[in-house]
Amino acid sequence: MEKRKVTQYQLLKGGIDNKTLDSLKKNKNITMITLEKLCAIIGCTPNDIVEFK
Protein backbone atom coordinates (compact mmCIF):
# COMPACT_ATOMS: atom_id res chain seq x y z
CA MET A 1 0.00 0.00 0.00
CA GLU A 2 2.82 2.39 0.82
CA LYS A 3 4.55 1.85 -2.53
CA ARG A 4 1.34 2.60 -4.42
CA LYS A 5 0.23 5.34 -2.01
CA VAL A 6 -3.08 3.64 -1.18
CA THR A 7 -4.71 4.74 2.07
CA GLN A 8 -7.08 2.93 4.41
CA TYR A 9 -9.71 5.44 3.35
CA GLN A 10 -9.34 4.28 -0.26
CA LEU A 11 -9.77 0.68 0.88
CA LEU A 12 -12.94 1.62 2.73
CA LYS A 13 -14.28 3.44 -0.34
CA GLY A 14 -13.36 0.39 -2.46
CA GLY A 15 -15.54 -1.95 -0.42
CA ILE A 16 -13.22 -3.20 2.31
CA ASP A 17 -15.03 -2.79 5.64
CA ASN A 18 -13.58 -1.82 9.04
CA LYS A 19 -13.84 -5.37 10.37
CA THR A 20 -11.77 -6.68 7.47
CA LEU A 21 -9.19 -3.92 7.88
CA ASP A 22 -8.88 -4.91 11.54
CA SER A 23 -8.40 -8.56 10.52
CA LEU A 24 -5.67 -7.57 8.07
CA LYS A 25 -3.85 -5.57 10.73
CA LYS A 26 -3.95 -8.59 13.07
CA ASN A 27 -2.79 -11.03 10.34
CA LYS A 28 -6.06 -12.96 10.47
CA ASN A 29 -7.65 -14.83 7.57
CA ILE A 30 -9.47 -13.06 4.75
CA THR A 31 -11.68 -14.38 1.98
CA MET A 32 -10.71 -14.71 -1.65
CA ILE A 33 -13.31 -12.04 -2.46
CA THR A 34 -11.51 -9.65 -0.12
CA LEU A 35 -8.19 -10.56 -1.72
CA GLU A 36 -9.67 -9.82 -5.13
CA LYS A 37 -10.95 -6.43 -3.93
CA LEU A 38 -7.56 -5.58 -2.42
CA CYS A 39 -5.78 -6.40 -5.65
CA ALA A 40 -8.21 -4.30 -7.67
CA ILE A 41 -7.87 -1.30 -5.34
CA ILE A 42 -4.10 -1.50 -4.90
CA GLY A 43 -3.37 -2.51 -8.49
CA CYS A 44 -1.45 -5.70 -7.83
CA THR A 45 -1.73 -9.47 -8.07
CA PRO A 46 -2.37 -11.97 -5.24
CA ASN A 47 1.32 -12.95 -5.46
CA ASP A 48 2.18 -9.42 -4.32
CA ILE A 49 0.06 -9.84 -1.18
CA VAL A 50 0.14 -13.51 -0.21
CA GLU A 51 3.17 -15.48 0.90
CA PHE A 52 3.07 -19.21 1.58
CA LYS A 53 5.52 -20.62 4.09
PDB file of N, CA and C in Angstrom:
ATOM      1  N   MET A   1       0.821  -1.190   0.000  1.00  0.00           N
ATOM      2  CA  MET A   1       0.000   0.000   0.000  1.00  0.00           C
ATOM      3  C   MET A   1       0.868   1.260   0.000  1.00  0.00           C
ATOM      4  N   GLU A   2       1.950   1.218   0.763  1.00  0.00           N
ATOM      5  CA  GLU A   2       2.822   2.393   0.817  1.00  0.00           C
ATOM      6  C   GLU A   2       3.437   2.693  -0.538  1.00  0.00           C
ATOM      7  N   LYS A   3       3.924   1.647  -1.222  1.00  0.00           N
ATOM      8  CA  LYS A   3       4.554   1.848  -2.533  1.00  0.00           C
ATOM      9  C   LYS A   3       3.600   2.496  -3.510  1.00  0.00           C
ATOM     10  N   ARG A   4       2.331   2.109  -3.456  1.00  0.00           N
ATOM     11  CA  ARG A   4       1.335   2.595  -4.417  1.00  0.00           C
ATOM     12  C   ARG A   4       0.500   3.751  -3.862  1.00  0.00           C
ATOM     13  N   LYS A   5       0.892   4.202  -2.659  1.00  0.00           N
ATOM     14  CA  LYS A   5       0.234   5.344  -2.011  1.00  0.00           C
ATOM     15  C   LYS A   5      -1.287   5.154  -1.884  1.00  0.00           C
ATOM     16  N   VAL A   6      -1.669   3.959  -1.419  1.00  0.00           N
ATOM     17  CA  VAL A   6      -3.078   3.639  -1.176  1.00  0.00           C
ATOM     18  C   VAL A   6      -3.331   3.774   0.321  1.00  0.00           C
ATOM     19  N   THR A   7      -4.383   4.508   0.674  1.00  0.00           N
ATOM     20  CA  THR A   7      -4.706   4.737   2.075  1.00  0.00           C
ATOM     21  C   THR A   7      -5.814   3.796   2.545  1.00  0.00           C
ATOM     22  N   GLN A   8      -5.978   3.714   3.856  1.00  0.00           N
ATOM     23  CA  GLN A   8      -7.076   2.926   4.411  1.00  0.00           C
ATOM     24  C   GLN A   8      -8.414   3.498   3.956  1.00  0.00           C
ATOM     25  N   TYR A   9      -8.480   4.799   3.819  1.00  0.00           N
ATOM     26  CA  TYR A   9      -9.709   5.441   3.348  1.00  0.00           C
ATOM     27  C   TYR A   9     -10.072   4.933   1.948  1.00  0.00           C
ATOM     28  N   GLN A  10      -9.079   4.796   1.084  1.00  0.00           N
ATOM     29  CA  GLN A  10      -9.339   4.285  -0.259  1.00  0.00           C
ATOM     30  C   GLN A  10      -9.826   2.841  -0.208  1.00  0.00           C
ATOM     31  N   LEU A  11      -9.295   2.051   0.719  1.00  0.00           N
ATOM     32  CA  LEU A  11      -9.767   0.675   0.881  1.00  0.00           C
ATOM     33  C   LEU A  11     -11.225   0.659   1.328  1.00  0.00           C
ATOM     34  N   LEU A  12     -11.553   1.531   2.267  1.00  0.00           N
ATOM     35  CA  LEU A  12     -12.940   1.619   2.729  1.00  0.00           C
ATOM     36  C   LEU A  12     -13.870   2.014   1.587  1.00  0.00           C
ATOM     37  N   LYS A  13     -13.469   2.999   0.805  1.00  0.00           N
ATOM     38  CA  LYS A  13     -14.275   3.440  -0.341  1.00  0.00           C
ATOM     39  C   LYS A  13     -14.379   2.354  -1.414  1.00  0.00           C
ATOM     40  N   GLY A  14     -13.382   1.462  -1.475  1.00  0.00           N
ATOM     41  CA  GLY A  14     -13.358   0.393  -2.459  1.00  0.00           C
ATOM     42  C   GLY A  14     -14.130  -0.849  -2.042  1.00  0.00           C
ATOM     43  N   GLY A  15     -14.711  -0.829  -0.840  1.00  0.00           N
ATOM     44  CA  GLY A  15     -15.542  -1.948  -0.416  1.00  0.00           C
ATOM     45  C   GLY A  15     -14.951  -2.834   0.663  1.00  0.00           C
ATOM     46  N   ILE A  16     -13.814  -2.453   1.204  1.00  0.00           N
ATOM     47  CA  ILE A  16     -13.222  -3.199   2.311  1.00  0.00           C
ATOM     48  C   ILE A  16     -13.752  -2.576   3.605  1.00  0.00           C
ATOM     49  N   ASP A  17     -14.425  -3.379   4.436  1.00  0.00           N
ATOM     50  CA  ASP A  17     -15.030  -2.793   5.642  1.00  0.00           C
ATOM     51  C   ASP A  17     -14.046  -2.733   6.811  1.00  0.00           C
ATOM     52  N   ASN A  18     -14.445  -2.021   7.867  1.00  0.00           N
ATOM     53  CA  ASN A  18     -13.579  -1.820   9.036  1.00  0.00           C
ATOM     54  C   ASN A  18     -13.188  -3.141   9.692  1.00  0.00           C
ATOM     55  N   LYS A  19     -14.113  -4.077   9.762  1.00  0.00           N
ATOM     56  CA  LYS A  19     -13.838  -5.371  10.375  1.00  0.00           C
ATOM     57  C   LYS A  19     -12.735  -6.103   9.607  1.00  0.00           C
ATOM     58  N   THR A  20     -12.788  -6.043   8.299  1.00  0.00           N
ATOM     59  CA  THR A  20     -11.771  -6.684   7.469  1.00  0.00           C
ATOM     60  C   THR A  20     -10.431  -5.984   7.620  1.00  0.00           C
ATOM     61  N   LEU A  21     -10.433  -4.663   7.660  1.00  0.00           N
ATOM     62  CA  LEU A  21      -9.187  -3.922   7.881  1.00  0.00           C
ATOM     63  C   LEU A  21      -8.548  -4.320   9.207  1.00  0.00           C
ATOM     64  N   ASP A  22      -9.375  -4.489  10.237  1.00  0.00           N
ATOM     65  CA  ASP A  22      -8.878  -4.912  11.542  1.00  0.00           C
ATOM     66  C   ASP A  22      -8.268  -6.309  11.453  1.00  0.00           C
ATOM     67  N   SER A  23      -8.925  -7.204  10.712  1.00  0.00           N
ATOM     68  CA  SER A  23      -8.401  -8.560  10.525  1.00  0.00           C
ATOM     69  C   SER A  23      -7.051  -8.534   9.813  1.00  0.00           C
ATOM     70  N   LEU A  24      -6.933  -7.689   8.809  1.00  0.00           N
ATOM     71  CA  LEU A  24      -5.673  -7.573   8.071  1.00  0.00           C
ATOM     72  C   LEU A  24      -4.547  -7.087   8.980  1.00  0.00           C
ATOM     73  N   LYS A  25      -4.854  -6.115   9.821  1.00  0.00           N
ATOM     74  CA  LYS A  25      -3.848  -5.572  10.730  1.00  0.00           C
ATOM     75  C   LYS A  25      -3.373  -6.622  11.727  1.00  0.00           C
ATOM     76  N   LYS A  26      -4.270  -7.554  12.077  1.00  0.00           N
ATOM     77  CA  LYS A  26      -3.945  -8.593  13.066  1.00  0.00           C
ATOM     78  C   LYS A  26      -3.503  -9.899  12.413  1.00  0.00           C
ATOM     79  N   ASN A  27      -3.232  -9.859  11.092  1.00  0.00           N
ATOM     80  CA  ASN A  27      -2.787 -11.031  10.339  1.00  0.00           C
ATOM     81  C   ASN A  27      -3.753 -12.208  10.449  1.00  0.00           C
ATOM     82  N   LYS A  28      -5.042 -11.906  10.453  1.00  0.00           N
ATOM     83  CA  LYS A  28      -6.057 -12.955  10.471  1.00  0.00           C
ATOM     84  C   LYS A  28      -6.433 -13.312   9.036  1.00  0.00           C
ATOM     85  N   ASN A  29      -7.233 -14.354   8.890  1.00  0.00           N
ATOM     86  CA  ASN A  29      -7.648 -14.827   7.570  1.00  0.00           C
ATOM     87  C   ASN A  29      -8.600 -13.845   6.890  1.00  0.00           C
ATOM     88  N   ILE A  30      -8.521 -13.824   5.563  1.00  0.00           N
ATOM     89  CA  ILE A  30      -9.466 -13.056   4.752  1.00  0.00           C
ATOM     90  C   ILE A  30      -9.998 -13.974   3.661  1.00  0.00           C
ATOM     91  N   THR A  31     -11.089 -13.574   3.044  1.00  0.00           N
ATOM     92  CA  THR A  31     -11.677 -14.379   1.981  1.00  0.00           C
ATOM     93  C   THR A  31     -11.008 -14.068   0.646  1.00  0.00           C
ATOM     94  N   MET A  32     -11.241 -14.943  -0.304  1.00  0.00           N
ATOM     95  CA  MET A  32     -10.715 -14.715  -1.651  1.00  0.00           C
ATOM     96  C   MET A  32     -11.373 -13.487  -2.278  1.00  0.00           C
ATOM     97  N   ILE A  33     -12.618 -13.233  -1.943  1.00  0.00           N
ATOM     98  CA  ILE A  33     -13.312 -12.044  -2.459  1.00  0.00           C
ATOM     99  C   ILE A  33     -12.609 -10.784  -1.958  1.00  0.00           C
ATOM    100  N   THR A  34     -12.230 -10.785  -0.681  1.00  0.00           N
ATOM    101  CA  THR A  34     -11.507  -9.645  -0.123  1.00  0.00           C
ATOM    102  C   THR A  34     -10.155  -9.491  -0.794  1.00  0.00           C
ATOM    103  N   LEU A  35      -9.474 -10.602  -1.030  1.00  0.00           N
ATOM    104  CA  LEU A  35      -8.188 -10.558  -1.715  1.00  0.00           C
ATOM    105  C   LEU A  35      -8.346  -9.966  -3.114  1.00  0.00           C
ATOM    106  N   GLU A  36      -9.406 -10.359  -3.794  1.00  0.00           N
ATOM    107  CA  GLU A  36      -9.674  -9.821  -5.133  1.00  0.00           C
ATOM    108  C   GLU A  36      -9.916  -8.314  -5.080  1.00  0.00           C
ATOM    109  N   LYS A  37     -10.694  -7.861  -4.087  1.00  0.00           N
ATOM    110  CA  LYS A  37     -10.950  -6.428  -3.931  1.00  0.00           C
ATOM    111  C   LYS A  37      -9.659  -5.672  -3.643  1.00  0.00           C
ATOM    112  N   LEU A  38      -8.833  -6.225  -2.749  1.00  0.00           N
ATOM    113  CA  LEU A  38      -7.564  -5.577  -2.417  1.00  0.00           C
ATOM    114  C   LEU A  38      -6.686  -5.414  -3.650  1.00  0.00           C
ATOM    115  N   CYS A  39      -6.598  -6.464  -4.435  1.00  0.00           N
ATOM    116  CA  CYS A  39      -5.775  -6.404  -5.647  1.00  0.00           C
ATOM    117  C   CYS A  39      -6.298  -5.356  -6.625  1.00  0.00           C
ATOM    118  N   ALA A  40      -7.617  -5.286  -6.760  1.00  0.00           N
ATOM    119  CA  ALA A  40      -8.206  -4.299  -7.673  1.00  0.00           C
ATOM    120  C   ALA A  40      -7.936  -2.873  -7.194  1.00  0.00           C
ATOM    121  N   ILE A  41      -8.058  -2.648  -5.892  1.00  0.00           N
ATOM    122  CA  ILE A  41      -7.866  -1.304  -5.342  1.00  0.00           C
ATOM    123  C   ILE A  41      -6.395  -0.900  -5.401  1.00  0.00           C
ATOM    124  N   ILE A  42      -5.522  -1.819  -4.985  1.00  0.00           N
ATOM    125  CA  ILE A  42      -4.098  -1.503  -4.901  1.00  0.00           C
ATOM    126  C   ILE A  42      -3.426  -1.547  -6.269  1.00  0.00           C
ATOM    127  N   GLY A  43      -3.965  -2.373  -7.167  1.00  0.00           N
ATOM    128  CA  GLY A  43      -3.372  -2.507  -8.495  1.00  0.00           C
ATOM    129  C   GLY A  43      -2.224  -3.500  -8.489  1.00  0.00           C
ATOM    130  N   CYS A  44      -2.488  -4.680  -7.927  1.00  0.00           N
ATOM    131  CA  CYS A  44      -1.455  -5.699  -7.831  1.00  0.00           C
ATOM    132  C   CYS A  44      -2.056  -7.076  -8.091  1.00  0.00           C
ATOM    133  N   THR A  45      -1.252  -8.106  -7.930  1.00  0.00           N
ATOM    134  CA  THR A  45      -1.732  -9.473  -8.071  1.00  0.00           C
ATOM    135  C   THR A  45      -1.709 -10.135  -6.694  1.00  0.00           C
ATOM    136  N   PRO A  46      -2.408 -11.271  -6.531  1.00  0.00           N
ATOM    137  CA  PRO A  46      -2.369 -11.971  -5.239  1.00  0.00           C
ATOM    138  C   PRO A  46      -0.926 -12.342  -4.814  1.00  0.00           C
ATOM    139  N   ASN A  47      -0.066 -12.611  -5.787  1.00  0.00           N
ATOM    140  CA  ASN A  47       1.318 -12.947  -5.458  1.00  0.00           C
ATOM    141  C   ASN A  47       2.048 -11.790  -4.753  1.00  0.00           C
ATOM    142  N   ASP A  48       1.582 -10.574  -4.981  1.00  0.00           N
ATOM    143  CA  ASP A  48       2.184  -9.415  -4.320  1.00  0.00           C
ATOM    144  C   ASP A  48       1.749  -9.301  -2.863  1.00  0.00           C
ATOM    145  N   ILE A  49       0.641  -9.961  -2.510  1.00  0.00           N
ATOM    146  CA  ILE A  49       0.064  -9.841  -1.178  1.00  0.00           C
ATOM    147  C   ILE A  49       0.290 -11.086  -0.337  1.00  0.00           C
ATOM    148  N   VAL A  50       0.126 -12.254  -0.940  1.00  0.00           N
ATOM    149  CA  VAL A  50       0.136 -13.514  -0.214  1.00  0.00           C
ATOM    150  C   VAL A  50       1.512 -14.168  -0.287  1.00  0.00           C
ATOM    151  N   GLU A  51       1.928 -14.716   0.847  1.00  0.00           N
ATOM    152  CA  GLU A  51       3.172 -15.476   0.900  1.00  0.00           C
ATOM    153  C   GLU A  51       2.897 -16.785   1.612  1.00  0.00           C
ATOM    154  N   PHE A  52       3.232 -17.892   0.975  1.00  0.00           N
ATOM    155  CA  PHE A  52       3.072 -19.209   1.581  1.00  0.00           C
ATOM    156  C   PHE A  52       4.387 -19.636   2.193  1.00  0.00           C
ATOM    157  N   LYS A  53       4.312 -20.153   3.405  1.00  0.00           N
ATOM    158  CA  LYS A  53       5.518 -20.621   4.093  1.00  0.00           C
ATOM    159  C   LYS A  53       5.400 -22.087   4.403  1.00  0.00           C
TER     160      LYS A  53
END
